[in-house]
PDB file of N, CA and C in Angstrom:
ATOM      1  N   MET A   1       9.039   7.333  12.591  1.00  0.00           N
ATOM      2  CA  MET A   1       8.292   6.140  12.512  1.00  0.00           C
ATOM      3  C   MET A   1       6.944   6.045  11.846  1.00  0.00           C
ATOM      4  N   GLY A   2       6.836   5.226  10.944  1.00  0.00           N
ATOM      5  CA  GLY A   2       5.529   5.268  10.698  1.00  0.00           C
ATOM      6  C   GLY A   2       4.055   4.421  11.555  1.00  0.00           C
ATOM      7  N   LYS A   3       3.091   4.880  11.320  1.00  0.00           N
ATOM      8  CA  LYS A   3       2.071   4.140  11.963  1.00  0.00           C
ATOM      9  C   LYS A   3       0.928   3.839  10.979  1.00  0.00           C
ATOM     10  N   PHE A   4       0.172   2.884  11.348  1.00  0.00           N
ATOM     11  CA  PHE A   4      -1.275   2.387  10.815  1.00  0.00           C
ATOM     12  C   PHE A   4      -2.415   3.333  11.379  1.00  0.00           C
ATOM     13  N   VAL A   5      -3.105   4.088  10.789  1.00  0.00           N
ATOM     14  CA  VAL A   5      -4.242   4.701  11.355  1.00  0.00           C
ATOM     15  C   VAL A   5      -5.369   4.314  10.796  1.00  0.00           C
ATOM     16  N   ILE A   6      -6.233   3.388  12.195  1.00  0.00           N
ATOM     17  CA  ILE A   6      -7.559   2.672  11.798  1.00  0.00           C
ATOM     18  C   ILE A   6      -8.651   3.759  11.900  1.00  0.00           C
ATOM     19  N   ARG A   7      -9.350   3.920  10.929  1.00  0.00           N
ATOM     20  CA  ARG A   7     -10.461   4.883  11.256  1.00  0.00           C
ATOM     21  C   ARG A   7     -11.994   4.466  10.357  1.00  0.00           C
ATOM     22  N   GLN A   8     -13.064   5.008  11.022  1.00  0.00           N
ATOM     23  CA  GLN A   8     -14.469   4.431  10.305  1.00  0.00           C
ATOM     24  C   GLN A   8     -14.443   5.478   9.200  1.00  0.00           C
ATOM     25  N   THR A   9     -15.417   5.025   8.346  1.00  0.00           N
ATOM     26  CA  THR A   9     -15.858   5.741   7.072  1.00  0.00           C
ATOM     27  C   THR A   9     -17.351   5.294   7.148  1.00  0.00           C
ATOM     28  N   ASN A  10     -18.219   5.815   6.310  1.00  0.00           N
ATOM     29  CA  ASN A  10     -19.504   5.820   5.974  1.00  0.00           C
ATOM     30  C   ASN A  10     -19.941   4.386   5.743  1.00  0.00           C
ATOM     31  N   THR A  11     -18.877   3.906   5.178  1.00  0.00           N
ATOM     32  CA  THR A  11     -19.185   2.329   4.852  1.00  0.00           C
ATOM     33  C   THR A  11     -18.545   1.163   5.399  1.00  0.00           C
ATOM     34  N   GLY A  12     -17.687   1.469   6.560  1.00  0.00           N
ATOM     35  CA  GLY A  12     -16.882   0.719   7.124  1.00  0.00           C
ATOM     36  C   GLY A  12     -15.773   0.966   7.832  1.00  0.00           C
ATOM     37  N   ILE A  13     -14.615   0.283   7.773  1.00  0.00           N
ATOM     38  CA  ILE A  13     -13.687   0.734   8.541  1.00  0.00           C
ATOM     39  C   ILE A  13     -12.357   0.601   7.554  1.00  0.00           C
ATOM     40  N   LYS A  14     -11.207   1.224   7.688  1.00  0.00           N
ATOM     41  CA  LYS A  14     -10.101   1.191   6.790  1.00  0.00           C
ATOM     42  C   LYS A  14      -9.017   1.553   7.410  1.00  0.00           C
ATOM     43  N   PHE A  15      -7.927   1.401   6.811  1.00  0.00           N
ATOM     44  CA  PHE A  15      -6.479   2.120   7.435  1.00  0.00           C
ATOM     45  C   PHE A  15      -5.724   2.999   6.496  1.00  0.00           C
ATOM     46  N   ASP A  16      -4.905   3.666   6.855  1.00  0.00           N
ATOM     47  CA  ASP A  16      -3.999   4.616   6.187  1.00  0.00           C
ATOM     48  C   ASP A  16      -2.396   4.296   6.864  1.00  0.00           C
ATOM     49  N   LEU A  17      -1.600   4.173   6.318  1.00  0.00           N
ATOM     50  CA  LEU A  17      -0.423   4.014   6.373  1.00  0.00           C
ATOM     51  C   LEU A  17       0.385   5.332   6.551  1.00  0.00           C
ATOM     52  N   LYS A  18       0.915   5.720   7.492  1.00  0.00           N
ATOM     53  CA  LYS A  18       1.459   7.462   7.582  1.00  0.00           C
ATOM     54  C   LYS A  18       2.847   7.000   7.782  1.00  0.00           C
ATOM     55  N   ALA A  19       3.690   7.891   7.000  1.00  0.00           N
ATOM     56  CA  ALA A  19       5.310   7.836   7.377  1.00  0.00           C
ATOM     57  C   ALA A  19       5.413   8.845   8.707  1.00  0.00           C
ATOM     58  N   GLY A  20       6.627   8.858   9.090  1.00  0.00           N
ATOM     59  CA  GLY A  20       6.937   9.473  10.273  1.00  0.00           C
ATOM     60  C   GLY A  20       6.763  10.935  10.034  1.00  0.00           C
ATOM     61  N   ASN A  21       6.603  11.850   8.997  1.00  0.00           N
ATOM     62  CA  ASN A  21       6.274  12.926   8.806  1.00  0.00           C
ATOM     63  C   ASN A  21       4.655  13.059   8.887  1.00  0.00           C
ATOM     64  N   GLY A  22       3.959  12.224   8.980  1.00  0.00           N
ATOM     65  CA  GLY A  22       2.300  12.441   8.876  1.00  0.00           C
ATOM     66  C   GLY A  22       1.794  12.124   7.438  1.00  0.00           C
ATOM     67  N   GLU A  23       2.466  12.072   6.346  1.00  0.00           N
ATOM     68  CA  GLU A  23       2.049  11.820   5.275  1.00  0.00           C
ATOM     69  C   GLU A  23       1.613  10.272   4.966  1.00  0.00           C
ATOM     70  N   VAL A  24       0.515  10.258   4.256  1.00  0.00           N
ATOM     71  CA  VAL A  24      -0.398   8.858   3.937  1.00  0.00           C
ATOM     72  C   VAL A  24       0.459   8.655   2.985  1.00  0.00           C
ATOM     73  N   ILE A  25       0.967   7.067   2.953  1.00  0.00           N
ATOM     74  CA  ILE A  25       1.885   6.580   1.864  1.00  0.00           C
ATOM     75  C   ILE A  25       0.921   5.372   1.342  1.00  0.00           C
ATOM     76  N   ALA A  26       0.091   4.933   1.927  1.00  0.00           N
ATOM     77  CA  ALA A  26      -0.541   3.997   1.591  1.00  0.00           C
ATOM     78  C   ALA A  26      -2.179   3.925   2.225  1.00  0.00           C
ATOM     79  N   THR A  27      -3.113   3.151   1.960  1.00  0.00           N
ATOM     80  CA  THR A  27      -4.305   3.321   2.311  1.00  0.00           C
ATOM     81  C   THR A  27      -5.204   1.786   1.785  1.00  0.00           C
ATOM     82  N   SER A  28      -5.784   1.467   2.466  1.00  0.00           N
ATOM     83  CA  SER A  28      -6.585   0.213   2.472  1.00  0.00           C
ATOM     84  C   SER A  28      -7.820   0.365   1.579  1.00  0.00           C
ATOM     85  N   GLU A  29      -8.487  -0.979   1.462  1.00  0.00           N
ATOM     86  CA  GLU A  29     -10.100  -1.048   0.947  1.00  0.00           C
ATOM     87  C   GLU A  29     -10.809  -0.673   2.208  1.00  0.00           C
ATOM     88  N   VAL A  30     -12.137  -0.601   2.194  1.00  0.00           N
ATOM     89  CA  VAL A  30     -12.973  -0.682   3.092  1.00  0.00           C
ATOM     90  C   VAL A  30     -13.512  -1.877   3.712  1.00  0.00           C
ATOM     91  N   TYR A  31     -13.274  -2.171   5.042  1.00  0.00           N
ATOM     92  CA  TYR A  31     -13.411  -3.328   5.431  1.00  0.00           C
ATOM     93  C   TYR A  31     -14.903  -3.303   6.316  1.00  0.00           C
ATOM     94  N   ASN A  32     -15.363  -4.556   6.411  1.00  0.00           N
ATOM     95  CA  ASN A  32     -16.694  -4.494   7.102  1.00  0.00           C
ATOM     96  C   ASN A  32     -16.550  -4.656   8.893  1.00  0.00           C
ATOM     97  N   SER A  33     -15.189  -4.891   9.071  1.00  0.00           N
ATOM     98  CA  SER A  33     -14.931  -5.167  10.579  1.00  0.00           C
ATOM     99  C   SER A  33     -13.628  -4.782  10.677  1.00  0.00           C
ATOM    100  N   GLU A  34     -13.676  -4.364  12.195  1.00  0.00           N
ATOM    101  CA  GLU A  34     -12.093  -4.228  12.803  1.00  0.00           C
ATOM    102  C   GLU A  34     -11.268  -5.156  12.583  1.00  0.00           C
ATOM    103  N   THR A  35     -11.837  -6.432  12.689  1.00  0.00           N
ATOM    104  CA  THR A  35     -11.009  -7.679  12.789  1.00  0.00           C
ATOM    105  C   THR A  35     -10.206  -7.790  11.500  1.00  0.00           C
ATOM    106  N   ALA A  36     -11.200  -7.631  10.494  1.00  0.00           N
ATOM    107  CA  ALA A  36     -10.704  -7.553   8.858  1.00  0.00           C
ATOM    108  C   ALA A  36      -9.714  -6.797   8.526  1.00  0.00           C
ATOM    109  N   CYS A  37     -10.042  -5.375   8.967  1.00  0.00           N
ATOM    110  CA  CYS A  37      -8.784  -4.192   8.832  1.00  0.00           C
ATOM    111  C   CYS A  37      -7.677  -4.649   9.812  1.00  0.00           C
ATOM    112  N   ARG A  38      -7.587  -5.408  10.814  1.00  0.00           N
ATOM    113  CA  ARG A  38      -6.285  -5.638  11.471  1.00  0.00           C
ATOM    114  C   ARG A  38      -5.787  -6.758  10.760  1.00  0.00           C
ATOM    115  N   ASN A  39      -6.263  -7.640  10.181  1.00  0.00           N
ATOM    116  CA  ASN A  39      -5.807  -8.735   9.266  1.00  0.00           C
ATOM    117  C   ASN A  39      -5.208  -8.213   8.073  1.00  0.00           C
ATOM    118  N   GLY A  40      -5.763  -6.980   7.617  1.00  0.00           N
ATOM    119  CA  GLY A  40      -5.282  -6.188   6.299  1.00  0.00           C
ATOM    120  C   GLY A  40      -3.770  -5.649   6.793  1.00  0.00           C
ATOM    121  N   ILE A  41      -3.964  -4.975   7.985  1.00  0.00           N
ATOM    122  CA  ILE A  41      -2.526  -4.354   8.433  1.00  0.00           C
ATOM    123  C   ILE A  41      -1.561  -5.469   8.399  1.00  0.00           C
ATOM    124  N   ALA A  42      -1.913  -6.426   9.182  1.00  0.00           N
ATOM    125  CA  ALA A  42      -0.845  -7.498   9.251  1.00  0.00           C
ATOM    126  C   ALA A  42      -0.287  -8.266   7.970  1.00  0.00           C
ATOM    127  N   SER A  43      -1.295  -8.384   6.896  1.00  0.00           N
ATOM    128  CA  SER A  43      -0.806  -8.770   5.677  1.00  0.00           C
ATOM    129  C   SER A  43       0.275  -7.674   4.837  1.00  0.00           C
ATOM    130  N   VAL A  44      -0.100  -6.532   5.309  1.00  0.00           N
ATOM    131  CA  VAL A  44       0.820  -5.523   4.721  1.00  0.00           C
ATOM    132  C   VAL A  44       2.191  -5.550   5.422  1.00  0.00           C
ATOM    133  N   GLN A  45       1.966  -5.601   6.779  1.00  0.00           N
ATOM    134  CA  GLN A  45       3.393  -5.733   7.619  1.00  0.00           C
ATOM    135  C   GLN A  45       4.214  -6.982   7.138  1.00  0.00           C
ATOM    136  N   LYS A  46       3.658  -8.141   6.766  1.00  0.00           N
ATOM    137  CA  LYS A  46       4.161  -9.401   6.329  1.00  0.00           C
ATOM    138  C   LYS A  46       4.720  -9.091   4.823  1.00  0.00           C
ATOM    139  N   ASN A  47       3.854  -8.775   4.071  1.00  0.00           N
ATOM    140  CA  ASN A  47       4.169  -8.803   2.530  1.00  0.00           C
ATOM    141  C   ASN A  47       5.232  -7.728   2.111  1.00  0.00           C
ATOM    142  N   ALA A  48       4.944  -6.469   2.342  1.00  0.00           N
ATOM    143  CA  ALA A  48       5.579  -5.331   2.160  1.00  0.00           C
ATOM    144  C   ALA A  48       7.162  -5.263   1.900  1.00  0.00           C
ATOM    145  N   PRO A  49       7.667  -6.048   2.963  1.00  0.00           N
ATOM    146  CA  PRO A  49       9.229  -5.679   3.101  1.00  0.00           C
ATOM    147  C   PRO A  49       9.876  -6.666   1.757  1.00  0.00           C
ATOM    148  N   ALA A  50       9.130  -7.687   1.558  1.00  0.00           N
ATOM    149  CA  ALA A  50      10.010  -8.811   0.530  1.00  0.00           C
ATOM    150  C   ALA A  50       9.336  -8.863  -0.682  1.00  0.00           C
ATOM    151  N   ALA A  51       8.329  -7.760  -0.863  1.00  0.00           N
ATOM    152  CA  ALA A  51       7.540  -7.836  -2.379  1.00  0.00           C
ATOM    153  C   ALA A  51       8.526  -7.077  -3.386  1.00  0.00           C
ATOM    154  N   ALA A  52       8.292  -7.937  -4.563  1.00  0.00           N
ATOM    155  CA  ALA A  52       9.185  -7.514  -5.560  1.00  0.00           C
ATOM    156  C   ALA A  52       8.092  -6.299  -6.257  1.00  0.00           C
ATOM    157  N   ILE A  53       8.877  -5.449  -7.215  1.00  0.00           N
ATOM    158  CA  ILE A  53       8.313  -4.602  -8.082  1.00  0.00           C
ATOM    159  C   ILE A  53       7.847  -4.768  -9.265  1.00  0.00           C
ATOM    160  N   GLU A  54       6.671  -4.781  -9.675  1.00  0.00           N
ATOM    161  CA  GLU A  54       6.414  -4.993 -11.314  1.00  0.00           C
ATOM    162  C   GLU A  54       6.095  -3.805 -11.952  1.00  0.00           C
ATOM    163  N   ASP A  55       6.775  -3.272 -12.810  1.00  0.00           N
ATOM    164  CA  ASP A  55       6.673  -1.840 -13.432  1.00  0.00           C
ATOM    165  C   ASP A  55       5.785  -2.238 -14.571  1.00  0.00           C
ATOM    166  N   GLN A  56       4.488  -2.002 -14.530  1.00  0.00           N
ATOM    167  CA  GLN A  56       3.527  -2.189 -15.745  1.00  0.00           C
ATOM    168  C   GLN A  56       3.620  -0.824 -16.275  1.00  0.00           C
ATOM    169  N   THR A  57       4.422  -0.001 -16.254  1.00  0.00           N
ATOM    170  CA  THR A  57       4.217   1.198 -17.251  1.00  0.00           C
ATOM    171  C   THR A  57       5.669   0.687 -18.320  1.00  0.00           C
ATOM    172  N   VAL A  58       6.163  -0.023 -18.397  1.00  0.00           N
ATOM    173  CA  VAL A  58       7.237  -0.420 -19.362  1.00  0.00           C
ATOM    174  C   VAL A  58       6.589  -1.457 -20.318  1.00  0.00           C
ATOM    175  N   GLU A  59       6.809  -1.373 -21.499  1.00  0.00           N
ATOM    176  CA  GLU A  59       6.396  -2.110 -22.371  1.00  0.00           C
ATOM    177  C   GLU A  59       7.221  -3.584 -22.132  1.00  0.00           C
ATOM    178  N   GLY A  60       6.410  -4.430 -22.296  1.00  0.00           N
ATOM    179  CA  GLY A  60       7.019  -5.989 -22.272  1.00  0.00           C
ATOM    180  C   GLY A  60       7.555  -6.297 -20.804  1.00  0.00           C
ATOM    181  N   PHE A  61       6.938  -5.604 -19.664  1.00  0.00           N
ATOM    182  CA  PHE A  61       7.316  -5.650 -18.449  1.00  0.00           C
ATOM    183  C   PHE A  61       7.407  -7.394 -17.999  1.00  0.00           C
ATOM    184  N   ALA A  62       8.281  -7.374 -17.207  1.00  0.00           N
ATOM    185  CA  ALA A  62       8.322  -8.833 -16.570  1.00  0.00           C
ATOM    186  C   ALA A  62       7.546  -8.904 -15.381  1.00  0.00           C
ATOM    187  N   ALA A  63       6.488 -10.056 -15.542  1.00  0.00           N
ATOM    188  CA  ALA A  63       5.474 -10.518 -14.342  1.00  0.00           C
ATOM    189  C   ALA A  63       6.142 -10.943 -13.115  1.00  0.00           C
ATOM    190  N   GLN A  64       6.102 -10.361 -12.171  1.00  0.00           N
ATOM    191  CA  GLN A  64       6.514 -10.851 -10.898  1.00  0.00           C
ATOM    192  C   GLN A  64       5.519 -11.847 -10.165  1.00  0.00           C
ATOM    193  N   LYS A  65       6.003 -12.574  -9.225  1.00  0.00           N
ATOM    194  CA  LYS A  65       5.373 -13.451  -8.391  1.00  0.00           C
ATOM    195  C   LYS A  65       4.957 -12.593  -7.122  1.00  0.00           C
ATOM    196  N   HIS A  66       3.709 -12.996  -6.628  1.00  0.00           N
ATOM    197  CA  HIS A  66       2.882 -12.502  -5.550  1.00  0.00           C
ATOM    198  C   HIS A  66       3.950 -12.848  -4.334  1.00  0.00           C
ATOM    199  N   PRO A  67       4.230 -12.141  -3.242  1.00  0.00           N
ATOM    200  CA  PRO A  67       3.608 -10.687  -3.164  1.00  0.00           C
ATOM    201  C   PRO A  67       4.329  -9.591  -3.937  1.00  0.00           C
ATOM    202  N   LYS A  68       3.533  -8.647  -4.461  1.00  0.00           N
ATOM    203  CA  LYS A  68       4.219  -7.678  -5.297  1.00  0.00           C
ATOM    204  C   LYS A  68       3.442  -6.285  -5.124  1.00  0.00           C
ATOM    205  N   PHE A  69       4.577  -5.395  -5.697  1.00  0.00           N
ATOM    206  CA  PHE A  69       4.066  -3.974  -5.760  1.00  0.00           C
ATOM    207  C   PHE A  69       3.881  -3.829  -7.402  1.00  0.00           C
ATOM    208  N   GLU A  70       2.442  -3.628  -7.694  1.00  0.00           N
ATOM    209  CA  GLU A  70       2.375  -3.170  -8.999  1.00  0.00           C
ATOM    210  C   GLU A  70       2.355  -1.578  -9.347  1.00  0.00           C
ATOM    211  N   VAL A  71       3.390  -1.070 -10.263  1.00  0.00           N
ATOM    212  CA  VAL A  71       3.191   0.005 -10.524  1.00  0.00           C
ATOM    213  C   VAL A  71       2.575   0.322 -11.780  1.00  0.00           C
ATOM    214  N   TYR A  72       1.711   1.349 -11.977  1.00  0.00           N
ATOM    215  CA  TYR A  72       0.869   1.474 -13.023  1.00  0.00           C
ATOM    216  C   TYR A  72       0.590   2.929 -13.362  1.00  0.00           C
ATOM    217  N   MET A  73       0.058   3.229 -14.307  1.00  0.00           N
ATOM    218  CA  MET A  73      -0.403   4.455 -14.794  1.00  0.00           C
ATOM    219  C   MET A  73      -2.145   4.630 -14.603  1.00  0.00           C
ATOM    220  N   ASP A  74      -2.352   5.621 -13.793  1.00  0.00           N
ATOM    221  CA  ASP A  74      -3.846   5.522 -13.923  1.00  0.00           C
ATOM    222  C   ASP A  74      -4.297   6.473 -14.991  1.00  0.00           C
ATOM    223  N   LYS A  75      -5.896   6.542 -15.106  1.00  0.00           N
ATOM    224  CA  LYS A  75      -6.577   7.165 -15.963  1.00  0.00           C
ATOM    225  C   LYS A  75      -5.914   8.880 -16.156  1.00  0.00           C
ATOM    226  N   ALA A  76      -5.657   9.690 -15.231  1.00  0.00           N
ATOM    227  CA  ALA A  76      -5.291  10.893 -14.954  1.00  0.00           C
ATOM    228  C   ALA A  76      -3.862  11.065 -15.428  1.00  0.00           C
ATOM    229  N   GLY A  77      -3.288  10.054 -15.670  1.00  0.00           N
ATOM    230  CA  GLY A  77      -1.708  10.088 -16.131  1.00  0.00           C
ATOM    231  C   GLY A  77      -0.555  10.119 -15.131  1.00  0.00           C
ATOM    232  N   GLU A  78      -1.099   9.743 -13.883  1.00  0.00           N
ATOM    233  CA  GLU A  78      -0.406   9.598 -12.862  1.00  0.00           C
ATOM    234  C   GLU A  78       0.205   8.126 -12.395  1.00  0.00           C
ATOM    235  N   TYR A  79       1.323   8.244 -11.788  1.00  0.00           N
ATOM    236  CA  TYR A  79       1.870   6.891 -11.408  1.00  0.00           C
ATOM    237  C   TYR A  79       1.399   6.681  -9.972  1.00  0.00           C
ATOM    238  N   ARG A  80       0.858   5.276  -9.930  1.00  0.00           N
ATOM    239  CA  ARG A  80       0.388   4.789  -8.858  1.00  0.00           C
ATOM    240  C   ARG A  80       1.021   3.097  -8.512  1.00  0.00           C
ATOM    241  N   PHE A  81       0.674   2.717  -7.340  1.00  0.00           N
ATOM    242  CA  PHE A  81       1.162   1.591  -6.917  1.00  0.00           C
ATOM    243  C   PHE A  81      -0.118   0.739  -6.210  1.00  0.00           C
ATOM    244  N   ARG A  82      -0.001  -0.340  -6.188  1.00  0.00           N
ATOM    245  CA  ARG A  82      -0.775  -1.425  -5.276  1.00  0.00           C
ATOM    246  C   ARG A  82       0.053  -2.299  -4.755  1.00  0.00           C
ATOM    247  N   LEU A  83      -0.214  -2.920  -3.690  1.00  0.00           N
ATOM    248  CA  LEU A  83       0.608  -3.978  -2.919  1.00  0.00           C
ATOM    249  C   LEU A  83      -0.700  -5.205  -3.058  1.00  0.00           C
ATOM    250  N   LYS A  84      -0.157  -6.183  -3.623  1.00  0.00           N
ATOM    251  CA  LYS A  84      -0.877  -7.544  -3.736  1.00  0.00           C
ATOM    252  C   LYS A  84      -0.124  -8.498  -2.607  1.00  0.00           C
ATOM    253  N   ALA A  85      -1.087  -9.274  -2.288  1.00  0.00           N
ATOM    254  CA  ALA A  85      -0.665 -10.295  -1.080  1.00  0.00           C
ATOM    255  C   ALA A  85      -0.279 -11.393  -1.796  1.00  0.00           C
ATOM    256  N   THR A  86       0.216 -12.563  -1.190  1.00  0.00           N
ATOM    257  CA  THR A  86       0.535 -13.671  -1.793  1.00  0.00           C
ATOM    258  C   THR A  86      -0.503 -14.449  -2.409  1.00  0.00           C
ATOM    259  N   ASN A  87      -1.605 -14.248  -2.021  1.00  0.00           N
ATOM    260  CA  ASN A  87      -3.075 -14.822  -2.569  1.00  0.00           C
ATOM    261  C   ASN A  87      -3.695 -13.901  -3.869  1.00  0.00           C
ATOM    262  N   GLY A  88      -2.842 -12.854  -4.070  1.00  0.00           N
ATOM    263  CA  GLY A  88      -3.123 -11.767  -5.301  1.00  0.00           C
ATOM    264  C   GLY A  88      -4.154 -10.968  -5.043  1.00  0.00           C
ATOM    265  N   GLN A  89      -4.480 -10.597  -3.773  1.00  0.00           N
ATOM    266  CA  GLN A  89      -5.705  -9.879  -3.300  1.00  0.00           C
ATOM    267  C   GLN A  89      -4.870  -8.444  -3.031  1.00  0.00           C
ATOM    268  N   ILE A  90      -5.526  -7.342  -3.458  1.00  0.00           N
ATOM    269  CA  ILE A  90      -4.899  -5.815  -3.302  1.00  0.00           C
ATOM    270  C   ILE A  90      -5.001  -5.629  -1.841  1.00  0.00           C
ATOM    271  N   ILE A  91      -4.155  -5.485  -1.154  1.00  0.00           N
ATOM    272  CA  ILE A  91      -3.939  -5.019   0.437  1.00  0.00           C
ATOM    273  C   ILE A  91      -3.620  -3.482   0.772  1.00  0.00           C
ATOM    274  N   ALA A  92      -2.927  -2.650  -0.117  1.00  0.00           N
ATOM    275  CA  ALA A  92      -2.943  -1.225   0.005  1.00  0.00           C
ATOM    276  C   ALA A  92      -2.615  -0.644  -1.270  1.00  0.00           C
ATOM    277  N   THR A  93      -2.919   0.364  -1.571  1.00  0.00           N
ATOM    278  CA  THR A  93      -2.767   1.447  -2.750  1.00  0.00           C
ATOM    279  C   THR A  93      -1.971   2.560  -2.367  1.00  0.00           C
ATOM    280  N   GLY A  94      -1.302   3.408  -3.143  1.00  0.00           N
ATOM    281  CA  GLY A  94      -0.833   4.787  -3.022  1.00  0.00           C
ATOM    282  C   GLY A  94      -1.611   5.507  -3.820  1.00  0.00           C
ATOM    283  N   GLU A  95      -0.814   6.860  -3.544  1.00  0.00           N
ATOM    284  CA  GLU A  95      -1.920   7.832  -4.105  1.00  0.00           C
ATOM    285  C   GLU A  95      -1.091   8.123  -5.501  1.00  0.00           C
ATOM    286  N   GLY A  96      -1.617   9.185  -6.383  1.00  0.00           N
ATOM    287  CA  GLY A  96      -0.993   9.507  -7.506  1.00  0.00           C
ATOM    288  C   GLY A  96       0.191  10.011  -7.605  1.00  0.00           C
ATOM    289  N   TYR A  97       1.207   9.993  -8.056  1.00  0.00           N
ATOM    290  CA  TYR A  97       2.549  10.609  -8.556  1.00  0.00           C
ATOM    291  C   TYR A  97       2.567  11.064  -9.797  1.00  0.00           C
ATOM    292  N   LYS A  98       2.980  12.303  -9.959  1.00  0.00           N
ATOM    293  CA  LYS A  98       3.447  12.941 -11.111  1.00  0.00           C
ATOM    294  C   LYS A  98       4.671  12.100 -11.745  1.00  0.00           C
ATOM    295  N   ALA A  99       5.752  11.890 -10.907  1.00  0.00           N
ATOM    296  CA  ALA A  99       6.882  11.167 -11.377  1.00  0.00           C
ATOM    297  C   ALA A  99       7.061   9.811 -11.019  1.00  0.00           C
ATOM    298  N   LYS A 100       7.568   8.808 -11.632  1.00  0.00           N
ATOM    299  CA  LYS A 100       7.808   7.432 -11.624  1.00  0.00           C
ATOM    300  C   LYS A 100       8.424   7.112 -10.253  1.00  0.00           C
ATOM    301  N   ALA A 101       9.802   8.087  -9.913  1.00  0.00           N
ATOM    302  CA  ALA A 101      10.756   8.063  -9.283  1.00  0.00           C
ATOM    303  C   ALA A 101       9.964   8.365  -7.870  1.00  0.00           C
ATOM    304  N   SER A 102       8.962   9.199  -7.808  1.00  0.00           N
ATOM    305  CA  SER A 102       8.210   9.621  -6.655  1.00  0.00           C
ATOM    306  C   SER A 102       7.572   8.386  -6.041  1.00  0.00           C
ATOM    307  N   CYS A 103       6.912   7.907  -7.239  1.00  0.00           N
ATOM    308  CA  CYS A 103       6.110   6.645  -6.927  1.00  0.00           C
ATOM    309  C   CYS A 103       6.911   5.393  -6.372  1.00  0.00           C
ATOM    310  N   LEU A 104       7.963   5.255  -7.028  1.00  0.00           N
ATOM    311  CA  LEU A 104       9.001   4.357  -6.094  1.00  0.00           C
ATOM    312  C   LEU A 104       9.681   4.360  -5.137  1.00  0.00           C
ATOM    313  N   ASN A 105       9.909   5.757  -4.460  1.00  0.00           N
ATOM    314  CA  ASN A 105       9.911   6.495  -3.152  1.00  0.00           C
ATOM    315  C   ASN A 105       8.961   6.040  -2.432  1.00  0.00           C
ATOM    316  N   GLY A 106       7.763   6.060  -2.716  1.00  0.00           N
ATOM    317  CA  GLY A 106       6.451   5.604  -2.014  1.00  0.00           C
ATOM    318  C   GLY A 106       6.319   4.310  -1.631  1.00  0.00           C
ATOM    319  N   ILE A 107       6.991   3.677  -2.533  1.00  0.00           N
ATOM    320  CA  ILE A 107       6.866   1.861  -2.378  1.00  0.00           C
ATOM    321  C   ILE A 107       8.006   1.619  -1.158  1.00  0.00           C
ATOM    322  N   ALA A 108       9.093   2.260  -1.359  1.00  0.00           N
ATOM    323  CA  ALA A 108      10.138   2.435  -0.421  1.00  0.00           C
ATOM    324  C   ALA A 108      10.037   2.554   1.004  1.00  0.00           C
ATOM    325  N   SER A 109       9.139   3.651   1.220  1.00  0.00           N
ATOM    326  CA  SER A 109       8.673   4.202   2.259  1.00  0.00           C
ATOM    327  C   SER A 109       7.830   3.180   2.982  1.00  0.00           C
ATOM    328  N   VAL A 110       6.949   2.385   2.172  1.00  0.00           N
ATOM    329  CA  VAL A 110       5.999   1.624   2.601  1.00  0.00           C
ATOM    330  C   VAL A 110       6.728   0.306   3.096  1.00  0.00           C
ATOM    331  N   GLN A 111       7.668  -0.028   2.466  1.00  0.00           N
ATOM    332  CA  GLN A 111       8.588  -1.241   2.720  1.00  0.00           C
ATOM    333  C   GLN A 111       9.294  -0.823   3.962  1.00  0.00           C
ATOM    334  N   LYS A 112       9.819   0.434   4.225  1.00  0.00           N
ATOM    335  CA  LYS A 112      10.501   0.500   5.138  1.00  0.00           C
ATOM    336  C   LYS A 112       9.610   0.857   6.620  1.00  0.00           C
ATOM    337  N   ASN A 113       8.302   1.364   6.483  1.00  0.00           N
ATOM    338  CA  ASN A 113       7.653   1.951   7.379  1.00  0.00           C
ATOM    339  C   ASN A 113       6.575   0.816   8.046  1.00  0.00           C
ATOM    340  N   ALA A 114       6.106   0.107   7.165  1.00  0.00           N
ATOM    341  CA  ALA A 114       4.982  -1.141   7.462  1.00  0.00           C
ATOM    342  C   ALA A 114       5.277  -2.082   8.614  1.00  0.00           C
ATOM    343  N   PRO A 115       6.749  -2.808   8.526  1.00  0.00           N
ATOM    344  CA  PRO A 115       6.967  -3.885   9.489  1.00  0.00           C
ATOM    345  C   PRO A 115       6.775  -3.260  10.924  1.00  0.00           C
ATOM    346  N   ASP A 116       7.266  -2.231  11.397  1.00  0.00           N
ATOM    347  CA  ASP A 116       7.270  -1.738  12.817  1.00  0.00           C
ATOM    348  C   ASP A 116       6.433  -0.664  13.168  1.00  0.00           C
ATOM    349  N   ALA A 117       5.376  -0.563  12.225  1.00  0.00           N
ATOM    350  CA  ALA A 117       4.632   0.730  12.560  1.00  0.00           C
ATOM    351  C   ALA A 117       3.677   0.460  13.730  1.00  0.00           C
ATOM    352  N   GLU A 118       3.346   1.138  14.509  1.00  0.00           N
ATOM    353  CA  GLU A 118       2.541   1.164  15.744  1.00  0.00           C
ATOM    354  C   GLU A 118       1.123   1.051  14.915  1.00  0.00           C
ATOM    355  N   ILE A 119      -0.058   0.769  15.702  1.00  0.00           N
ATOM    356  CA  ILE A 119      -1.571   0.706  15.097  1.00  0.00           C
ATOM    357  C   ILE A 119      -2.340   1.467  16.196  1.00  0.00           C
ATOM    358  N   VAL A 120      -2.809   2.628  15.479  1.00  0.00           N
ATOM    359  CA  VAL A 120      -3.620   3.581  16.454  1.00  0.00           C
ATOM    360  C   VAL A 120      -5.156   3.619  15.957  1.00  0.00           C
ATOM    361  N   GLU A 121      -5.887   3.950  17.014  1.00  0.00           N
ATOM    362  CA  GLU A 121      -7.495   4.126  16.298  1.00  0.00           C
ATOM    363  C   GLU A 121      -7.875   5.596  16.285  1.00  0.00           C
ATOM    364  N   GLN A 122      -8.437   6.136  15.171  1.00  0.00           N
ATOM    365  CA  GLN A 122      -9.064   7.197  15.099  1.00  0.00           C
ATOM    366  C   GLN A 122     -10.394   7.528  15.580  1.00  0.00           C
TER     367      GLN A 122
END
């Protein structure tokens, strides 16, 4: 079972979504309040399960409507994803993956774990 871990940073507060094995599968931006952070978590829980996948690594990819996961290649040549809410805002991002299949597995893990994940504070 996954969990959202809320934690303080030097500049604010953020969350990590961890899979049942403790691996971080998605992380948030830095928020300026715990309320905003918890609203971000609620948005991920609501948007992740039904979000389409837009693969921007394919030439001539089909644009998807929000909410969506965008799969893209970063400057280091790794596959990454970002989850965008209905309003187009980025609400969670994934780590870099060497293989696209691993990135897609990360998205599947977010979709599976986010809806019922408990929220804990660190």
